[in-house]
PDB file of N, CA and C in Angstrom:
ATOM      1  N   MET A   1     -64.218  78.410 -79.432  1.00  0.00           N
ATOM      2  CA  MET A   1     -64.099  78.456 -78.062  1.00  0.00           C
ATOM      3  C   MET A   1     -63.097  79.547 -77.729  1.00  0.00           C
ATOM      4  N   PHE A   2     -63.318  80.483 -76.908  1.00  0.00           N
ATOM      5  CA  PHE A   2     -62.395  81.565 -76.493  1.00  0.00           C
ATOM      6  C   PHE A   2     -61.488  80.945 -75.392  1.00  0.00           C
ATOM      7  N   MET A   3     -60.205  81.104 -75.602  1.00  0.00           N
ATOM      8  CA  MET A   3     -59.229  80.712 -74.600  1.00  0.00           C
ATOM      9  C   MET A   3     -58.375  81.889 -74.157  1.00  0.00           C
ATOM     10  N   PRO A   4     -58.518  82.285 -73.042  1.00  0.00           N
ATOM     11  CA  PRO A   4     -57.685  83.462 -72.549  1.00  0.00           C
ATOM     12  C   PRO A   4     -56.165  83.148 -72.694  1.00  0.00           C
ATOM     13  N   LYS A   5     -55.423  84.148 -72.841  1.00  0.00           N
ATOM     14  CA  LYS A   5     -53.987  84.004 -72.879  1.00  0.00           C
ATOM     15  C   LYS A   5     -53.466  84.346 -71.433  1.00  0.00           C
ATOM     16  N   ILE A   6     -52.467  83.605 -71.145  1.00  0.00           N
ATOM     17  CA  ILE A   6     -51.801  83.707 -69.842  1.00  0.00           C
ATOM     18  C   ILE A   6     -50.286  83.869 -70.069  1.00  0.00           C
ATOM     19  N   SER A   7     -49.674  84.411 -69.142  1.00  0.00           N
ATOM     20  CA  SER A   7     -48.130  84.649 -69.203  1.00  0.00           C
ATOM     21  C   SER A   7     -47.565  83.972 -67.953  1.00  0.00           C
ATOM     22  N   LEU A   8     -46.540  83.313 -67.929  1.00  0.00           N
ATOM     23  CA  LEU A   8     -45.959  82.806 -66.769  1.00  0.00           C
ATOM     24  C   LEU A   8     -44.412  82.622 -66.902  1.00  0.00           C
ATOM     25  N   ASP A   9     -43.807  82.521 -65.758  1.00  0.00           N
ATOM     26  CA  ASP A   9     -42.379  82.357 -65.703  1.00  0.00           C
ATOM     27  C   ASP A   9     -42.131  80.846 -65.382  1.00  0.00           C
ATOM     28  N   MET A  10     -41.207  80.234 -66.092  1.00  0.00           N
ATOM     29  CA  MET A  10     -40.908  78.832 -65.873  1.00  0.00           C
ATOM     30  C   MET A  10     -39.387  78.613 -65.993  1.00  0.00           C
ATOM     31  N   PRO A  11     -38.905  77.768 -65.096  1.00  0.00           N
ATOM     32  CA  PRO A  11     -37.461  77.609 -65.124  1.00  0.00           C
ATOM     33  C   PRO A  11     -37.103  76.912 -66.577  1.00  0.00           C
ATOM     34  N   ARG A  12     -35.922  77.357 -66.904  1.00  0.00           N
ATOM     35  CA  ARG A  12     -35.472  76.945 -68.304  1.00  0.00           C
ATOM     36  C   ARG A  12     -35.336  75.401 -68.400  1.00  0.00           C
ATOM     37  N   GLU A  13     -34.954  74.751 -67.325  1.00  0.00           N
ATOM     38  CA  GLU A  13     -34.900  73.267 -67.337  1.00  0.00           C
ATOM     39  C   GLU A  13     -36.217  72.545 -67.664  1.00  0.00           C
ATOM     40  N   ILE A  14     -37.309  73.008 -67.049  1.00  0.00           N
ATOM     41  CA  ILE A  14     -38.626  72.572 -67.294  1.00  0.00           C
ATOM     42  C   ILE A  14     -39.017  72.766 -68.859  1.00  0.00           C
ATOM     43  N   VAL A  15     -38.820  73.955 -69.303  1.00  0.00           N
ATOM     44  CA  VAL A  15     -39.083  74.288 -70.664  1.00  0.00           C
ATOM     45  C   VAL A  15     -38.352  73.369 -71.503  1.00  0.00           C
ATOM     46  N   SER A  16     -37.054  73.204 -71.274  1.00  0.00           N
ATOM     47  CA  SER A  16     -36.286  72.354 -72.150  1.00  0.00           C
ATOM     48  C   SER A  16     -36.774  70.901 -72.155  1.00  0.00           C
ATOM     49  N   ASP A  17     -37.133  70.456 -70.961  1.00  0.00           N
ATOM     50  CA  ASP A  17     -37.698  68.980 -70.815  1.00  0.00           C
ATOM     51  C   ASP A  17     -38.964  68.980 -71.684  1.00  0.00           C
ATOM     52  N   LEU A  18     -39.803  69.866 -71.507  1.00  0.00           N
ATOM     53  CA  LEU A  18     -41.098  69.810 -72.219  1.00  0.00           C
ATOM     54  C   LEU A  18     -40.889  69.869 -73.843  1.00  0.00           C
ATOM     55  N   LYS A  19     -39.961  70.600 -74.137  1.00  0.00           N
ATOM     56  CA  LYS A  19     -39.670  70.750 -75.577  1.00  0.00           C
ATOM     57  C   LYS A  19     -39.111  69.472 -76.232  1.00  0.00           C
ATOM     58  N   ASN A  20     -38.632  68.593 -75.389  1.00  0.00           N
ATOM     59  CA  ASN A  20     -38.268  67.139 -75.853  1.00  0.00           C
ATOM     60  C   ASN A  20     -39.405  66.390 -76.280  1.00  0.00           C
ATOM     61  N   HIS A  21     -40.571  66.784 -75.883  1.00  0.00           N
ATOM     62  CA  HIS A  21     -41.843  66.008 -76.158  1.00  0.00           C
ATOM     63  C   HIS A  21     -42.694  66.727 -77.056  1.00  0.00           C
ATOM     64  N   VAL A  22     -42.288  67.834 -77.683  1.00  0.00           N
ATOM     65  CA  VAL A  22     -43.042  68.651 -78.587  1.00  0.00           C
ATOM     66  C   VAL A  22     -42.534  68.601 -80.022  1.00  0.00           C
ATOM     67  N   GLY A  23     -43.511  68.404 -80.931  1.00  0.00           N
ATOM     68  CA  GLY A  23     -43.135  68.443 -82.332  1.00  0.00           C
ATOM     69  C   GLY A  23     -43.682  67.282 -83.132  1.00  0.00           C
ATOM     70  N   ASP A  24     -43.301  67.212 -84.399  1.00  0.00           N
ATOM     71  CA  ASP A  24     -43.807  66.269 -85.297  1.00  0.00           C
ATOM     72  C   ASP A  24     -43.427  64.869 -84.737  1.00  0.00           C
ATOM     73  N   SER A  25     -44.403  63.960 -84.665  1.00  0.00           N
ATOM     74  CA  SER A  25     -44.223  62.571 -84.297  1.00  0.00           C
ATOM     75  C   SER A  25     -43.887  62.579 -82.701  1.00  0.00           C
ATOM     76  N   LYS A  26     -44.264  63.495 -82.001  1.00  0.00           N
ATOM     77  CA  LYS A  26     -44.086  63.464 -80.547  1.00  0.00           C
ATOM     78  C   LYS A  26     -45.372  63.628 -79.934  1.00  0.00           C
ATOM     79  N   LYS A  27     -45.379  63.686 -78.566  1.00  0.00           N
ATOM     80  CA  LYS A  27     -46.673  63.529 -77.824  1.00  0.00           C
ATOM     81  C   LYS A  27     -47.511  64.832 -77.979  1.00  0.00           C
ATOM     82  N   PHE A  28     -46.788  66.017 -78.006  1.00  0.00           N
ATOM     83  CA  PHE A  28     -47.577  67.234 -78.014  1.00  0.00           C
ATOM     84  C   PHE A  28     -47.294  68.083 -79.316  1.00  0.00           C
ATOM     85  N   VAL A  29     -48.198  68.816 -79.731  1.00  0.00           N
ATOM     86  CA  VAL A  29     -48.055  69.543 -81.028  1.00  0.00           C
ATOM     87  C   VAL A  29     -47.450  70.888 -80.676  1.00  0.00           C
ATOM     88  N   SER A  30     -47.517  71.379 -79.440  1.00  0.00           N
ATOM     89  CA  SER A  30     -46.975  72.633 -79.048  1.00  0.00           C
ATOM     90  C   SER A  30     -46.632  72.710 -77.593  1.00  0.00           C
ATOM     91  N   LEU A  31     -45.808  73.614 -77.205  1.00  0.00           N
ATOM     92  CA  LEU A  31     -45.550  73.788 -75.804  1.00  0.00           C
ATOM     93  C   LEU A  31     -46.811  74.189 -75.000  1.00  0.00           C
ATOM     94  N   ALA A  32     -47.687  74.974 -75.632  1.00  0.00           N
ATOM     95  CA  ALA A  32     -48.944  75.360 -74.984  1.00  0.00           C
ATOM     96  C   ALA A  32     -49.796  74.016 -74.717  1.00  0.00           C
ATOM     97  N   ASP A  33     -49.883  73.134 -75.716  1.00  0.00           N
ATOM     98  CA  ASP A  33     -50.569  71.895 -75.638  1.00  0.00           C
ATOM     99  C   ASP A  33     -49.895  71.053 -74.447  1.00  0.00           C
ATOM    100  N   ALA A  34     -48.714  71.045 -74.280  1.00  0.00           N
ATOM    101  CA  ALA A  34     -48.033  70.251 -73.289  1.00  0.00           C
ATOM    102  C   ALA A  34     -48.458  70.815 -71.858  1.00  0.00           C
ATOM    103  N   ILE A  35     -48.467  72.155 -71.784  1.00  0.00           N
ATOM    104  CA  ILE A  35     -48.752  72.758 -70.436  1.00  0.00           C
ATOM    105  C   ILE A  35     -50.287  72.554 -70.204  1.00  0.00           C
ATOM    106  N   ARG A  36     -51.101  72.707 -71.124  1.00  0.00           N
ATOM    107  CA  ARG A  36     -52.573  72.526 -70.922  1.00  0.00           C
ATOM    108  C   ARG A  36     -52.881  71.114 -70.449  1.00  0.00           C
ATOM    109  N   THR A  37     -52.238  70.143 -71.105  1.00  0.00           N
ATOM    110  CA  THR A  37     -52.354  68.715 -70.804  1.00  0.00           C
ATOM    111  C   THR A  37     -51.933  68.410 -69.266  1.00  0.00           C
ATOM    112  N   ALA A  38     -50.825  68.968 -68.969  1.00  0.00           N
ATOM    113  CA  ALA A  38     -50.182  68.860 -67.644  1.00  0.00           C
ATOM    114  C   ALA A  38     -51.168  69.397 -66.589  1.00  0.00           C
ATOM    115  N   CYS A  39     -51.672  70.608 -66.828  1.00  0.00           N
ATOM    116  CA  CYS A  39     -52.657  71.196 -65.911  1.00  0.00           C
ATOM    117  C   CYS A  39     -53.877  70.456 -65.765  1.00  0.00           C
ATOM    118  N   ARG A  40     -54.451  69.916 -66.842  1.00  0.00           N
ATOM    119  CA  ARG A  40     -55.682  69.003 -66.852  1.00  0.00           C
ATOM    120  C   ARG A  40     -55.431  67.808 -66.013  1.00  0.00           C
ATOM    121  N   LYS A  41     -54.229  67.151 -66.247  1.00  0.00           N
ATOM    122  CA  LYS A  41     -53.853  66.018 -65.405  1.00  0.00           C
ATOM    123  C   LYS A  41     -53.815  66.263 -63.947  1.00  0.00           C
ATOM    124  N   MET A  42     -53.101  67.374 -63.552  1.00  0.00           N
ATOM    125  CA  MET A  42     -52.956  67.736 -62.154  1.00  0.00           C
ATOM    126  C   MET A  42     -54.341  68.059 -61.508  1.00  0.00           C
ATOM    127  N   LEU A  43     -55.202  68.732 -62.271  1.00  0.00           N
ATOM    128  CA  LEU A  43     -56.563  68.950 -61.757  1.00  0.00           C
ATOM    129  C   LEU A  43     -57.349  67.712 -61.520  1.00  0.00           C
ATOM    130  N   ASP A  44     -57.272  66.735 -62.495  1.00  0.00           N
ATOM    131  CA  ASP A  44     -57.853  65.510 -62.267  1.00  0.00           C
ATOM    132  C   ASP A  44     -57.387  64.806 -61.008  1.00  0.00           C
ATOM    133  N   GLN A  45     -55.973  64.837 -60.861  1.00  0.00           N
ATOM    134  CA  GLN A  45     -55.438  64.187 -59.618  1.00  0.00           C
ATOM    135  C   GLN A  45     -56.017  64.820 -58.337  1.00  0.00           C
ATOM    136  N   LEU A  46     -55.982  66.203 -58.339  1.00  0.00           N
ATOM    137  CA  LEU A  46     -56.514  66.968 -57.238  1.00  0.00           C
ATOM    138  C   LEU A  46     -58.044  66.622 -56.902  1.00  0.00           C
ATOM    139  N   ASP A  47     -58.791  66.505 -57.990  1.00  0.00           N
ATOM    140  CA  ASP A  47     -60.192  66.035 -57.714  1.00  0.00           C
ATOM    141  C   ASP A  47     -60.274  64.726 -57.100  1.00  0.00           C
ATOM    142  N   GLU A  48     -59.442  63.772 -57.702  1.00  0.00           N
ATOM    143  CA  GLU A  48     -59.381  62.377 -56.984  1.00  0.00           C
ATOM    144  C   GLU A  48     -59.041  62.467 -55.498  1.00  0.00           C
ATOM    145  N   ILE A  49     -57.999  63.213 -55.198  1.00  0.00           N
ATOM    146  CA  ILE A  49     -57.621  63.325 -53.765  1.00  0.00           C
ATOM    147  C   ILE A  49     -58.753  64.015 -52.946  1.00  0.00           C
ATOM    148  N   ASP A  50     -59.386  65.001 -53.501  1.00  0.00           N
ATOM    149  CA  ASP A  50     -60.556  65.659 -52.733  1.00  0.00           C
ATOM    150  C   ASP A  50     -61.693  64.641 -52.601  1.00  0.00           C
ATOM    151  N   ALA A  51     -61.894  63.820 -53.621  1.00  0.00           N
ATOM    152  CA  ALA A  51     -63.098  62.794 -53.492  1.00  0.00           C
ATOM    153  C   ALA A  51     -62.695  61.783 -52.364  1.00  0.00           C
ATOM    154  N   ARG A  52     -61.433  61.333 -52.292  1.00  0.00           N
ATOM    155  CA  ARG A  52     -61.063  60.464 -51.195  1.00  0.00           C
ATOM    156  C   ARG A  52     -61.151  61.082 -49.870  1.00  0.00           C
ATOM    157  N   HIS A  53     -60.941  62.302 -49.743  1.00  0.00           N
ATOM    158  CA  HIS A  53     -61.082  62.987 -48.456  1.00  0.00           C
ATOM    159  C   HIS A  53     -62.516  63.579 -48.222  1.00  0.00           C
ATOM    160  N   GLY A  54     -63.479  63.283 -48.980  1.00  0.00           N
ATOM    161  CA  GLY A  54     -64.832  63.813 -48.876  1.00  0.00           C
ATOM    162  C   GLY A  54     -65.001  65.300 -49.111  1.00  0.00           C
ATOM    163  N   ARG A  55     -64.116  65.835 -49.899  1.00  0.00           N
ATOM    164  CA  ARG A  55     -64.237  67.277 -50.105  1.00  0.00           C
ATOM    165  C   ARG A  55     -64.891  67.491 -51.464  1.00  0.00           C
TER     166      ARG A  55
END
């Protein structure tokens, strides 16, 4: 599967918090994995909100 690369600016505090959950025996295998997972969760939540509002 082709996955486009993106670039973004993110506050250092958020990156630091994310990195606490990345690595061996932690929830995410990489910073990119953590960001992808967060985006998917946010999109699911937005879909649920839209469905409740009939959109």
